[in-house]
């Protein structure tokens, strides 16, 4: 290693320290990087994994011989490591965005399923106890329950292990209100139609 290489390395370390101290990411413009070189880097960086110096020269409308200038800049200003850091950053951003969209979807599905269940229960409360609940309402209620369970990460179908028996609750104890008793009995009827 000659004296010039040591000076270059020392300069690079100082620039890295500067970038870190000022909270700048490695793919942002370095203090010693001229705007023209940084612009070329940005074009190169934004090409994604299919990037190459030849494609960058073409995108910048420069002749193929310009590739030598790009190679010098890419070496001097660490384009490969900066592009790799940028790609990793963009992957994290995409993953976080995907997770947020999925989380919002799950919450929306659960809310919608609960609303549908409430609408069905309101309709059932208006149905006289002696008449059987309409089959379509029961199917809608079942689908809404399955959707809510799936949205909350539970098995969509009731099994012996996760089954709640409302029949006993409806026949063994009442809250003292005939409306509550009727609601419990309707729940028990729905439950018996859907039980495993």
N, C-alpha and C. Protein backbone atom coordinates (compact mmCIF):
# COMPACT_ATOMS: atom_id res chain seq x y z
N UNK A 1 0.86 -1.18 0.00
CA UNK A 1 0.00 0.00 0.00
C UNK A 1 0.90 1.23 0.00
N UNK A 2 0.64 2.15 -0.93
CA UNK A 2 1.46 3.35 -0.99
C UNK A 2 0.83 4.47 -0.17
N UNK A 3 1.52 5.58 -0.09
CA UNK A 3 1.08 6.71 0.72
C UNK A 3 -0.25 7.28 0.25
N UNK A 4 -0.46 7.32 -1.07
CA UNK A 4 -1.74 7.84 -1.61
C UNK A 4 -2.92 6.95 -1.22
N UNK A 5 -2.70 5.63 -1.21
CA UNK A 5 -3.76 4.71 -0.80
C UNK A 5 -4.14 4.94 0.66
N UNK A 6 -3.13 5.17 1.50
CA UNK A 6 -3.40 5.42 2.92
C UNK A 6 -4.16 6.72 3.11
N UNK A 7 -3.81 7.74 2.34
CA UNK A 7 -4.52 9.02 2.41
C UNK A 7 -5.97 8.84 1.97
N UNK A 8 -6.18 8.08 0.87
CA UNK A 8 -7.54 7.82 0.38
C UNK A 8 -8.37 7.06 1.42
N UNK A 9 -7.76 6.05 2.04
CA UNK A 9 -8.47 5.26 3.06
C UNK A 9 -8.84 6.14 4.24
N UNK A 10 -7.91 7.00 4.68
CA UNK A 10 -8.17 7.89 5.80
C UNK A 10 -9.31 8.84 5.45
N UNK A 11 -9.30 9.35 4.24
CA UNK A 11 -10.36 10.25 3.78
C UNK A 11 -11.71 9.54 3.76
N UNK A 12 -11.72 8.30 3.27
CA UNK A 12 -12.96 7.53 3.21
C UNK A 12 -13.53 7.28 4.61
N UNK A 13 -12.64 6.96 5.55
CA UNK A 13 -13.08 6.72 6.93
C UNK A 13 -13.68 7.99 7.52
N UNK A 14 -13.04 9.14 7.25
CA UNK A 14 -13.57 10.41 7.75
C UNK A 14 -14.95 10.70 7.15
N UNK A 15 -15.10 10.42 5.86
CA UNK A 15 -16.40 10.63 5.22
C UNK A 15 -17.45 9.70 5.82
N UNK A 16 -17.08 8.44 6.07
CA UNK A 16 -18.02 7.50 6.69
C UNK A 16 -18.43 8.00 8.07
N UNK A 17 -17.45 8.51 8.84
CA UNK A 17 -17.76 9.05 10.17
C UNK A 17 -18.70 10.25 10.05
N UNK A 18 -18.44 11.11 9.08
CA UNK A 18 -19.28 12.29 8.84
C UNK A 18 -20.72 11.86 8.54
N UNK A 19 -20.85 10.89 7.64
CA UNK A 19 -22.18 10.41 7.25
C UNK A 19 -22.92 9.88 8.48
N UNK A 20 -22.22 9.10 9.27
CA UNK A 20 -22.83 8.49 10.46
C UNK A 20 -23.22 9.55 11.48
N UNK A 21 -22.31 10.50 11.75
CA UNK A 21 -22.56 11.56 12.73
C UNK A 21 -23.76 12.42 12.34
N UNK A 22 -23.97 12.61 11.06
CA UNK A 22 -25.07 13.45 10.59
C UNK A 22 -26.32 12.66 10.24
N UNK A 23 -26.33 11.39 10.58
CA UNK A 23 -27.52 10.56 10.35
C UNK A 23 -27.84 10.34 8.89
N UNK A 24 -26.82 10.38 8.05
CA UNK A 24 -27.04 10.17 6.62
C UNK A 24 -26.85 8.70 6.28
N UNK A 25 -27.71 8.20 5.44
CA UNK A 25 -27.58 6.82 4.99
C UNK A 25 -26.49 6.73 3.94
N UNK A 26 -25.91 5.55 3.81
CA UNK A 26 -24.76 5.39 2.90
C UNK A 26 -25.11 5.68 1.45
N UNK A 27 -26.39 5.57 1.07
CA UNK A 27 -26.77 5.81 -0.32
C UNK A 27 -27.05 7.30 -0.60
N UNK A 28 -26.95 8.13 0.44
CA UNK A 28 -27.09 9.57 0.21
C UNK A 28 -25.76 10.14 -0.28
N UNK A 29 -25.80 11.38 -0.73
CA UNK A 29 -24.59 11.99 -1.32
C UNK A 29 -23.50 12.14 -0.27
N UNK A 30 -22.32 11.67 -0.64
CA UNK A 30 -21.15 11.79 0.23
C UNK A 30 -20.61 13.21 0.11
N UNK A 31 -19.97 13.72 1.16
CA UNK A 31 -19.47 15.11 1.13
C UNK A 31 -18.54 15.41 -0.05
N UNK A 32 -17.70 14.45 -0.43
CA UNK A 32 -16.74 14.71 -1.51
C UNK A 32 -17.28 14.32 -2.89
N UNK A 33 -18.49 13.82 -2.94
CA UNK A 33 -19.04 13.30 -4.19
C UNK A 33 -19.67 14.43 -5.00
N UNK A 34 -19.14 14.71 -6.19
CA UNK A 34 -19.71 15.80 -6.99
C UNK A 34 -21.14 15.47 -7.43
N UNK A 35 -21.97 16.50 -7.65
CA UNK A 35 -23.36 16.27 -8.05
C UNK A 35 -23.50 15.37 -9.28
N UNK A 36 -22.62 15.53 -10.25
CA UNK A 36 -22.71 14.72 -11.47
C UNK A 36 -22.49 13.23 -11.15
N UNK A 37 -21.53 12.95 -10.29
CA UNK A 37 -21.27 11.56 -9.89
C UNK A 37 -22.43 11.02 -9.07
N UNK A 38 -22.96 11.86 -8.18
CA UNK A 38 -24.07 11.41 -7.35
C UNK A 38 -25.32 11.15 -8.21
N UNK A 39 -25.58 12.01 -9.17
CA UNK A 39 -26.71 11.80 -10.08
C UNK A 39 -26.56 10.46 -10.81
N UNK A 40 -25.35 10.19 -11.28
CA UNK A 40 -25.11 8.91 -11.97
C UNK A 40 -25.32 7.75 -11.00
N UNK A 41 -24.86 7.92 -9.76
CA UNK A 41 -25.06 6.88 -8.75
C UNK A 41 -26.56 6.63 -8.54
N UNK A 42 -27.35 7.70 -8.43
CA UNK A 42 -28.80 7.56 -8.20
C UNK A 42 -29.46 6.79 -9.34
N UNK A 43 -29.07 7.09 -10.57
CA UNK A 43 -29.62 6.36 -11.73
C UNK A 43 -29.24 4.89 -11.61
N UNK A 44 -27.99 4.63 -11.28
CA UNK A 44 -27.50 3.26 -11.13
C UNK A 44 -28.23 2.55 -9.99
N UNK A 45 -28.32 3.22 -8.84
CA UNK A 45 -28.96 2.65 -7.64
C UNK A 45 -30.41 2.29 -7.92
N UNK A 46 -31.13 3.17 -8.59
CA UNK A 46 -32.57 2.99 -8.79
C UNK A 46 -32.92 1.94 -9.85
N UNK A 47 -31.90 1.40 -10.52
CA UNK A 47 -32.16 0.34 -11.50
C UNK A 47 -32.48 -0.99 -10.82
N UNK A 48 -32.22 -1.09 -9.55
CA UNK A 48 -32.51 -2.33 -8.84
C UNK A 48 -31.47 -3.39 -9.13
N UNK A 49 -31.84 -4.63 -8.92
CA UNK A 49 -30.89 -5.73 -9.01
C UNK A 49 -30.36 -5.98 -10.41
N UNK A 50 -31.03 -5.45 -11.42
CA UNK A 50 -30.59 -5.64 -12.81
C UNK A 50 -29.60 -4.56 -13.23
N UNK A 51 -29.13 -3.76 -12.29
CA UNK A 51 -28.25 -2.63 -12.64
C UNK A 51 -26.91 -3.10 -13.18
N UNK A 52 -26.33 -2.28 -14.03
CA UNK A 52 -24.97 -2.49 -14.53
C UNK A 52 -24.45 -1.13 -14.98
N UNK A 53 -23.13 -1.01 -15.05
CA UNK A 53 -22.55 0.26 -15.49
C UNK A 53 -22.93 0.56 -16.94
N UNK A 54 -22.99 -0.48 -17.76
CA UNK A 54 -23.37 -0.28 -19.17
C UNK A 54 -24.80 0.26 -19.26
N UNK A 55 -25.72 -0.31 -18.46
CA UNK A 55 -27.11 0.17 -18.47
C UNK A 55 -27.20 1.59 -17.93
N UNK A 56 -26.36 1.89 -16.93
CA UNK A 56 -26.35 3.24 -16.36
C UNK A 56 -25.88 4.24 -17.41
N UNK A 57 -24.81 3.90 -18.14
CA UNK A 57 -24.31 4.79 -19.20
C UNK A 57 -25.39 5.01 -20.25
N UNK A 58 -26.09 3.95 -20.60
CA UNK A 58 -27.16 4.05 -21.59
C UNK A 58 -28.30 4.93 -21.09
N UNK A 59 -28.67 4.73 -19.80
CA UNK A 59 -29.76 5.52 -19.21
C UNK A 59 -29.40 7.01 -19.14
N UNK A 60 -28.12 7.29 -18.99
CA UNK A 60 -27.66 8.68 -18.93
C UNK A 60 -27.39 9.27 -20.32
N UNK A 61 -27.68 8.49 -21.35
CA UNK A 61 -27.47 8.90 -22.75
C UNK A 61 -26.01 9.23 -23.05
N UNK A 62 -25.14 8.41 -22.48
CA UNK A 62 -23.70 8.58 -22.74
C UNK A 62 -23.22 7.43 -23.61
N UNK A 63 -22.17 7.65 -24.35
CA UNK A 63 -21.63 6.57 -25.19
C UNK A 63 -21.04 5.46 -24.31
N UNK A 64 -20.88 4.25 -24.86
CA UNK A 64 -20.34 3.12 -24.10
C UNK A 64 -19.00 3.43 -23.43
N UNK A 65 -18.19 4.30 -24.03
CA UNK A 65 -16.89 4.64 -23.42
C UNK A 65 -17.03 5.34 -22.07
N UNK A 66 -18.21 5.89 -21.80
CA UNK A 66 -18.46 6.58 -20.53
C UNK A 66 -18.45 5.60 -19.36
N UNK A 67 -18.55 4.34 -19.70
CA UNK A 67 -18.54 3.29 -18.69
C UNK A 67 -17.27 3.37 -17.84
N UNK A 68 -16.16 3.78 -18.41
CA UNK A 68 -14.90 3.91 -17.67
C UNK A 68 -15.05 4.97 -16.56
N UNK A 69 -15.67 6.09 -16.89
CA UNK A 69 -15.90 7.14 -15.89
C UNK A 69 -16.79 6.62 -14.78
N UNK A 70 -17.84 5.91 -15.17
CA UNK A 70 -18.75 5.34 -14.17
C UNK A 70 -18.02 4.33 -13.28
N UNK A 71 -17.15 3.53 -13.88
CA UNK A 71 -16.39 2.55 -13.09
C UNK A 71 -15.51 3.27 -12.07
N UNK A 72 -14.87 4.36 -12.49
CA UNK A 72 -14.02 5.12 -11.57
C UNK A 72 -14.84 5.69 -10.42
N UNK A 73 -16.00 6.26 -10.75
CA UNK A 73 -16.87 6.79 -9.70
C UNK A 73 -17.39 5.67 -8.80
N UNK A 74 -17.76 4.57 -9.41
CA UNK A 74 -18.32 3.47 -8.61
C UNK A 74 -17.29 2.93 -7.63
N UNK A 75 -16.04 2.92 -8.04
CA UNK A 75 -14.97 2.47 -7.15
C UNK A 75 -14.67 3.51 -6.08
N UNK A 76 -14.53 4.75 -6.50
CA UNK A 76 -14.16 5.83 -5.59
C UNK A 76 -15.25 6.09 -4.55
N UNK A 77 -16.51 5.97 -4.97
CA UNK A 77 -17.62 6.32 -4.07
C UNK A 77 -18.43 5.10 -3.60
N UNK A 78 -17.83 3.92 -3.72
CA UNK A 78 -18.38 2.69 -3.12
C UNK A 78 -19.82 2.37 -3.58
N UNK A 79 -20.05 2.45 -4.88
CA UNK A 79 -21.39 2.23 -5.38
C UNK A 79 -21.94 0.85 -5.01
N UNK A 80 -21.11 -0.17 -5.09
CA UNK A 80 -21.63 -1.53 -4.82
C UNK A 80 -22.17 -1.65 -3.41
N UNK A 81 -21.38 -1.24 -2.42
CA UNK A 81 -21.84 -1.38 -1.04
C UNK A 81 -23.01 -0.45 -0.75
N UNK A 82 -23.01 0.74 -1.36
CA UNK A 82 -24.12 1.67 -1.16
C UNK A 82 -25.40 1.14 -1.80
N UNK A 83 -25.27 0.56 -2.98
CA UNK A 83 -26.44 -0.04 -3.63
C UNK A 83 -26.98 -1.22 -2.82
N UNK A 84 -26.07 -2.03 -2.29
CA UNK A 84 -26.49 -3.17 -1.47
C UNK A 84 -27.25 -2.68 -0.23
N UNK A 85 -26.73 -1.63 0.42
CA UNK A 85 -27.41 -1.07 1.60
C UNK A 85 -28.78 -0.52 1.22
N UNK A 86 -28.85 0.14 0.06
CA UNK A 86 -30.12 0.70 -0.41
C UNK A 86 -31.12 -0.42 -0.71
N UNK A 87 -30.67 -1.47 -1.38
CA UNK A 87 -31.55 -2.60 -1.69
C UNK A 87 -32.11 -3.22 -0.41
N UNK A 88 -31.25 -3.38 0.59
CA UNK A 88 -31.70 -3.95 1.87
C UNK A 88 -32.70 -3.02 2.56
N UNK A 89 -32.42 -1.73 2.49
CA UNK A 89 -33.34 -0.74 3.06
C UNK A 89 -34.71 -0.83 2.37
N UNK A 90 -34.70 -0.86 1.05
CA UNK A 90 -35.96 -0.91 0.31
C UNK A 90 -36.72 -2.21 0.58
N UNK A 91 -35.99 -3.30 0.78
CA UNK A 91 -36.63 -4.57 1.12
C UNK A 91 -37.32 -4.46 2.49
N UNK A 92 -36.64 -3.82 3.46
CA UNK A 92 -37.25 -3.63 4.78
C UNK A 92 -38.49 -2.74 4.68
N UNK A 93 -38.39 -1.66 3.89
CA UNK A 93 -39.53 -0.75 3.71
C UNK A 93 -40.71 -1.51 3.10
N UNK A 94 -40.44 -2.30 2.07
CA UNK A 94 -41.51 -3.08 1.41
C UNK A 94 -42.12 -4.09 2.38
N UNK A 95 -41.28 -4.74 3.18
CA UNK A 95 -41.78 -5.73 4.14
C UNK A 95 -42.66 -5.06 5.20
N UNK A 96 -42.23 -3.91 5.72
CA UNK A 96 -43.04 -3.19 6.71
C UNK A 96 -44.37 -2.75 6.12
N UNK A 97 -44.34 -2.27 4.90
CA UNK A 97 -45.56 -1.85 4.23
C UNK A 97 -46.51 -3.03 4.05
N UNK A 98 -45.94 -4.16 3.64
CA UNK A 98 -46.75 -5.37 3.46
C UNK A 98 -47.37 -5.81 4.78
N UNK A 99 -46.58 -5.78 5.86
CA UNK A 99 -47.09 -6.16 7.17
C UNK A 99 -48.20 -5.23 7.62
N UNK A 100 -48.04 -3.92 7.37
CA UNK A 100 -49.09 -2.96 7.74
C UNK A 100 -50.37 -3.21 6.97
N UNK A 101 -50.25 -3.48 5.68
CA UNK A 101 -51.43 -3.76 4.85
C UNK A 101 -52.13 -5.02 5.34
N UNK A 102 -51.35 -6.05 5.66
CA UNK A 102 -51.95 -7.30 6.16
C UNK A 102 -52.63 -7.07 7.50
N UNK A 103 -51.96 -6.31 8.39
CA UNK A 103 -52.55 -6.02 9.71
C UNK A 103 -53.86 -5.26 9.55
N UNK A 104 -53.88 -4.26 8.67
CA UNK A 104 -55.11 -3.50 8.42
C UNK A 104 -56.20 -4.40 7.85
N UNK A 105 -55.83 -5.30 6.93
CA UNK A 105 -56.81 -6.21 6.34
C UNK A 105 -57.40 -7.13 7.40
N UNK A 106 -56.55 -7.68 8.26
CA UNK A 106 -57.02 -8.58 9.31
C UNK A 106 -57.99 -7.85 10.23
N UNK A 107 -57.63 -6.65 10.65
CA UNK A 107 -58.51 -5.88 11.53
C UNK A 107 -59.82 -5.54 10.84
N UNK A 108 -59.76 -5.15 9.57
CA UNK A 108 -60.97 -4.82 8.82
C UNK A 108 -61.87 -6.05 8.69
N UNK A 109 -61.28 -7.20 8.36
CA UNK A 109 -62.08 -8.42 8.23
C UNK A 109 -62.75 -8.79 9.56
N UNK A 110 -62.00 -8.66 10.65
CA UNK A 110 -62.57 -8.98 11.96
C UNK A 110 -63.72 -8.01 12.29
N UNK A 111 -63.50 -6.71 12.05
CA UNK A 111 -64.57 -5.71 12.32
C UNK A 111 -65.80 -6.00 11.48
N UNK A 112 -65.58 -6.27 10.18
CA UNK A 112 -66.71 -6.55 9.28
C UNK A 112 -67.46 -7.80 9.73
N UNK A 113 -66.73 -8.82 10.12
CA UNK A 113 -67.36 -10.06 10.56
C UNK A 113 -68.20 -9.83 11.81
N UNK A 114 -67.69 -9.04 12.74
CA UNK A 114 -68.45 -8.74 13.97
C UNK A 114 -69.70 -7.94 13.62
N UNK A 115 -69.59 -6.98 12.70
CA UNK A 115 -70.77 -6.19 12.27
C UNK A 115 -71.84 -7.11 11.68
N UNK A 116 -71.40 -8.03 10.84
CA UNK A 116 -72.36 -8.96 10.21
C UNK A 116 -73.03 -9.81 11.27
N UNK A 117 -72.25 -10.30 12.23
CA UNK A 117 -72.83 -11.10 13.31
C UNK A 117 -73.86 -10.28 14.09
N UNK A 118 -73.52 -9.02 14.36
CA UNK A 118 -74.45 -8.16 15.10
C UNK A 118 -75.74 -7.94 14.30
N UNK A 119 -75.62 -7.73 13.00
CA UNK A 119 -76.80 -7.54 12.16
C UNK A 119 -77.68 -8.79 12.17
N UNK A 120 -77.05 -9.96 12.10
CA UNK A 120 -77.82 -11.21 12.12
C UNK A 120 -78.50 -11.37 13.47
N UNK A 121 -77.77 -11.08 14.56
CA UNK A 121 -78.36 -11.23 15.89
C UNK A 121 -79.52 -10.26 16.08
N UNK A 122 -79.40 -9.03 15.55
CA UNK A 122 -80.50 -8.08 15.64
C UNK A 122 -81.72 -8.60 14.89
N UNK A 123 -81.49 -9.18 13.74
CA UNK A 123 -82.58 -9.74 12.96
C UNK A 123 -83.22 -10.92 13.69
N UNK A 124 -82.37 -11.76 14.32
CA UNK A 124 -82.90 -12.91 15.06
C UNK A 124 -83.69 -12.48 16.28
N UNK A 125 -83.27 -11.38 16.90
CA UNK A 125 -84.01 -10.89 18.08
C UNK A 125 -85.42 -10.48 17.69
N UNK A 126 -85.61 -10.05 16.47
CA UNK A 126 -86.94 -9.64 16.00
C UNK A 126 -87.79 -10.84 15.58
N UNK A 127 -87.15 -12.01 15.43
CA UNK A 127 -87.85 -13.21 15.00
C UNK A 127 -88.51 -13.85 16.22
N UNK A 128 -89.81 -14.16 16.15
CA UNK A 128 -90.47 -14.82 17.29
C UNK A 128 -89.77 -16.15 17.61
N UNK A 129 -89.66 -16.46 18.90
CA UNK A 129 -88.93 -17.64 19.36
C UNK A 129 -89.50 -18.93 18.79
N UNK A 130 -90.82 -18.99 18.65
CA UNK A 130 -91.42 -20.24 18.16
C UNK A 130 -91.17 -20.50 16.69
N UNK A 131 -90.84 -19.49 15.94
CA UNK A 131 -90.54 -19.73 14.53
C UNK A 131 -89.04 -19.99 14.37
N UNK A 132 -88.71 -20.90 13.51
CA UNK A 132 -87.30 -21.26 13.30
C UNK A 132 -86.59 -20.09 12.61
N UNK A 133 -85.35 -19.81 13.01
CA UNK A 133 -84.62 -18.73 12.34
C UNK A 133 -84.40 -19.07 10.87
N UNK A 134 -84.48 -18.08 10.00
CA UNK A 134 -84.27 -18.35 8.58
C UNK A 134 -82.89 -18.94 8.32
N UNK A 135 -82.84 -19.97 7.50
CA UNK A 135 -81.59 -20.67 7.20
C UNK A 135 -80.52 -19.73 6.62
N UNK A 136 -80.96 -18.79 5.79
CA UNK A 136 -79.99 -17.87 5.19
C UNK A 136 -79.28 -17.04 6.25
N UNK A 137 -80.04 -16.60 7.26
CA UNK A 137 -79.42 -15.84 8.35
C UNK A 137 -78.40 -16.69 9.10
N UNK A 138 -78.75 -17.94 9.32
CA UNK A 138 -77.83 -18.83 10.03
C UNK A 138 -76.55 -19.01 9.22
N UNK A 139 -76.71 -19.21 7.91
CA UNK A 139 -75.51 -19.37 7.06
C UNK A 139 -74.65 -18.11 7.08
N UNK A 140 -75.27 -16.94 7.02
CA UNK A 140 -74.53 -15.69 7.06
C UNK A 140 -73.80 -15.57 8.40
N UNK A 141 -74.51 -15.90 9.47
CA UNK A 141 -73.91 -15.84 10.81
C UNK A 141 -72.71 -16.79 10.89
N UNK A 142 -72.88 -18.01 10.39
CA UNK A 142 -71.79 -18.99 10.42
C UNK A 142 -70.58 -18.48 9.64
N UNK A 143 -70.82 -17.93 8.46
CA UNK A 143 -69.71 -17.42 7.64
C UNK A 143 -69.02 -16.25 8.35
N UNK A 144 -69.81 -15.39 8.98
CA UNK A 144 -69.23 -14.26 9.70
C UNK A 144 -68.39 -14.73 10.89
N UNK A 145 -68.86 -15.74 11.57
CA UNK A 145 -68.08 -16.30 12.70
C UNK A 145 -66.78 -16.90 12.18
N UNK A 146 -66.87 -17.66 11.10
CA UNK A 146 -65.65 -18.26 10.51
C UNK A 146 -64.66 -17.17 10.09
N UNK A 147 -65.19 -16.12 9.45
CA UNK A 147 -64.33 -15.02 8.99
C UNK A 147 -63.65 -14.32 10.16
N UNK A 148 -64.42 -14.08 11.22
CA UNK A 148 -63.82 -13.44 12.40
C UNK A 148 -62.75 -14.33 13.02
N UNK A 149 -63.07 -15.61 13.16
CA UNK A 149 -62.10 -16.54 13.76
C UNK A 149 -60.81 -16.58 12.93
N UNK A 150 -60.96 -16.67 11.61
CA UNK A 150 -59.78 -16.73 10.74
C UNK A 150 -58.98 -15.43 10.83
N UNK A 151 -59.68 -14.28 10.89
CA UNK A 151 -59.00 -13.00 10.99
C UNK A 151 -58.22 -12.86 12.29
N UNK A 152 -58.68 -13.54 13.31
CA UNK A 152 -58.01 -13.46 14.61
C UNK A 152 -57.01 -14.60 14.84
N UNK A 153 -56.78 -15.37 13.77
CA UNK A 153 -55.78 -16.43 13.85
C UNK A 153 -56.27 -17.71 14.49
N UNK A 154 -57.57 -17.89 14.61
CA UNK A 154 -58.13 -19.11 15.19
C UNK A 154 -58.60 -20.01 14.06
N UNK A 155 -58.77 -21.30 14.35
CA UNK A 155 -59.31 -22.18 13.31
C UNK A 155 -60.70 -21.69 12.89
N UNK A 156 -60.98 -21.72 11.62
CA UNK A 156 -62.26 -21.21 11.12
C UNK A 156 -63.43 -22.06 11.59
N UNK A 157 -63.19 -23.34 11.78
CA UNK A 157 -64.25 -24.26 12.20
C UNK A 157 -64.13 -24.55 13.69
N UNK A 158 -65.26 -24.72 14.31
CA UNK A 158 -65.29 -25.12 15.71
C UNK A 158 -64.95 -26.60 15.81
N UNK A 159 -64.13 -26.94 16.76
CA UNK A 159 -63.81 -28.34 17.01
C UNK A 159 -64.16 -28.66 18.45
N UNK A 160 -64.05 -29.92 18.83
CA UNK A 160 -64.34 -30.30 20.22
C UNK A 160 -63.44 -29.52 21.19
N UNK A 161 -62.21 -29.21 20.76
CA UNK A 161 -61.26 -28.52 21.64
C UNK A 161 -61.59 -27.04 21.81
N UNK A 162 -62.15 -26.39 20.80
CA UNK A 162 -62.39 -24.95 20.92
C UNK A 162 -63.88 -24.60 20.87
N UNK A 163 -64.75 -25.59 21.09
CA UNK A 163 -66.19 -25.43 20.98
C UNK A 163 -66.76 -24.89 22.29
N UNK A 164 -67.59 -23.85 22.18
CA UNK A 164 -68.28 -23.30 23.35
C UNK A 164 -69.73 -23.73 23.26
N UNK A 165 -70.20 -24.39 24.28
CA UNK A 165 -71.57 -24.90 24.28
C UNK A 165 -72.50 -23.87 24.94
N UNK A 166 -73.27 -23.16 24.12
CA UNK A 166 -74.20 -22.16 24.63
C UNK A 166 -75.50 -22.80 25.13
N UNK A 167 -75.71 -24.05 24.77
CA UNK A 167 -76.96 -24.71 25.14
C UNK A 167 -77.12 -24.74 26.65
N UNK A 168 -76.07 -25.14 27.35
CA UNK A 168 -76.14 -25.21 28.81
C UNK A 168 -76.36 -23.83 29.41
N UNK A 169 -75.68 -22.83 28.88
CA UNK A 169 -75.85 -21.47 29.40
C UNK A 169 -77.29 -21.00 29.22
N UNK A 170 -77.89 -21.35 28.10
CA UNK A 170 -79.24 -20.90 27.82
C UNK A 170 -80.28 -21.62 28.67
N UNK A 171 -80.04 -22.88 28.99
CA UNK A 171 -81.06 -23.63 29.72
C UNK A 171 -80.83 -23.61 31.22
N UNK A 172 -79.60 -23.40 31.69
CA UNK A 172 -79.32 -23.50 33.12
C UNK A 172 -79.43 -22.19 33.86
N UNK A 173 -79.06 -21.07 33.20
CA UNK A 173 -79.12 -19.83 33.96
C UNK A 173 -79.55 -18.67 33.08
N UNK A 174 -80.40 -17.83 33.67
CA UNK A 174 -80.89 -16.67 32.95
C UNK A 174 -80.50 -15.45 33.74
N UNK A 175 -80.49 -14.32 33.06
CA UNK A 175 -80.08 -13.08 33.72
C UNK A 175 -81.30 -12.33 34.26
N UNK A 176 -82.39 -12.99 34.33
CA UNK A 176 -83.58 -12.39 34.90
C UNK A 176 -84.41 -11.59 33.91
N UNK A 177 -84.01 -11.51 32.70
CA UNK A 177 -84.70 -10.71 31.69
C UNK A 177 -85.17 -11.65 30.59
N UNK A 178 -86.47 -11.60 30.26
CA UNK A 178 -87.01 -12.48 29.23
C UNK A 178 -86.32 -12.27 27.88
N UNK A 179 -85.96 -11.01 27.58
CA UNK A 179 -85.28 -10.72 26.32
C UNK A 179 -83.92 -11.42 26.29
N UNK A 180 -83.20 -11.39 27.42
CA UNK A 180 -81.91 -12.08 27.50
C UNK A 180 -82.11 -13.59 27.38
N UNK A 181 -83.16 -14.11 28.02
CA UNK A 181 -83.43 -15.54 27.93
C UNK A 181 -83.70 -15.94 26.48
N UNK A 182 -84.51 -15.16 25.79
CA UNK A 182 -84.82 -15.47 24.39
C UNK A 182 -83.55 -15.41 23.54
N UNK A 183 -82.72 -14.42 23.82
CA UNK A 183 -81.47 -14.30 23.07
C UNK A 183 -80.58 -15.52 23.33
N UNK A 184 -80.49 -15.95 24.60
CA UNK A 184 -79.70 -17.13 24.94
C UNK A 184 -80.24 -18.37 24.24
N UNK A 185 -81.56 -18.49 24.20
CA UNK A 185 -82.15 -19.66 23.54
C UNK A 185 -81.89 -19.64 22.04
N UNK A 186 -81.94 -18.46 21.43
CA UNK A 186 -81.64 -18.37 20.00
C UNK A 186 -80.17 -18.69 19.74
N UNK A 187 -79.30 -18.23 20.62
CA UNK A 187 -77.89 -18.58 20.49
C UNK A 187 -77.71 -20.09 20.61
N UNK A 188 -78.43 -20.68 21.55
CA UNK A 188 -78.34 -22.14 21.73
C UNK A 188 -78.83 -22.85 20.47
N UNK A 189 -79.91 -22.33 19.85
CA UNK A 189 -80.44 -22.94 18.63
C UNK A 189 -79.40 -22.82 17.50
N UNK A 190 -78.81 -21.65 17.36
CA UNK A 190 -77.77 -21.46 16.34
C UNK A 190 -76.60 -22.40 16.62
N UNK A 191 -76.25 -22.46 17.87
CA UNK A 191 -75.10 -23.27 18.27
C UNK A 191 -75.33 -24.74 17.97
N UNK A 192 -76.55 -25.21 18.23
CA UNK A 192 -76.83 -26.62 17.98
C UNK A 192 -76.80 -26.94 16.49
N UNK A 193 -77.19 -25.96 15.66
CA UNK A 193 -77.15 -26.18 14.22
C UNK A 193 -75.73 -26.19 13.67
N UNK A 194 -74.82 -25.56 14.41
CA UNK A 194 -73.44 -25.39 13.92
C UNK A 194 -72.44 -26.26 14.66
N UNK A 195 -72.88 -26.90 15.73
CA UNK A 195 -71.94 -27.66 16.56
C UNK A 195 -71.35 -28.83 15.81
N UNK A 196 -70.12 -29.24 16.24
CA UNK A 196 -69.42 -30.34 15.53
C UNK A 196 -70.13 -31.67 15.71
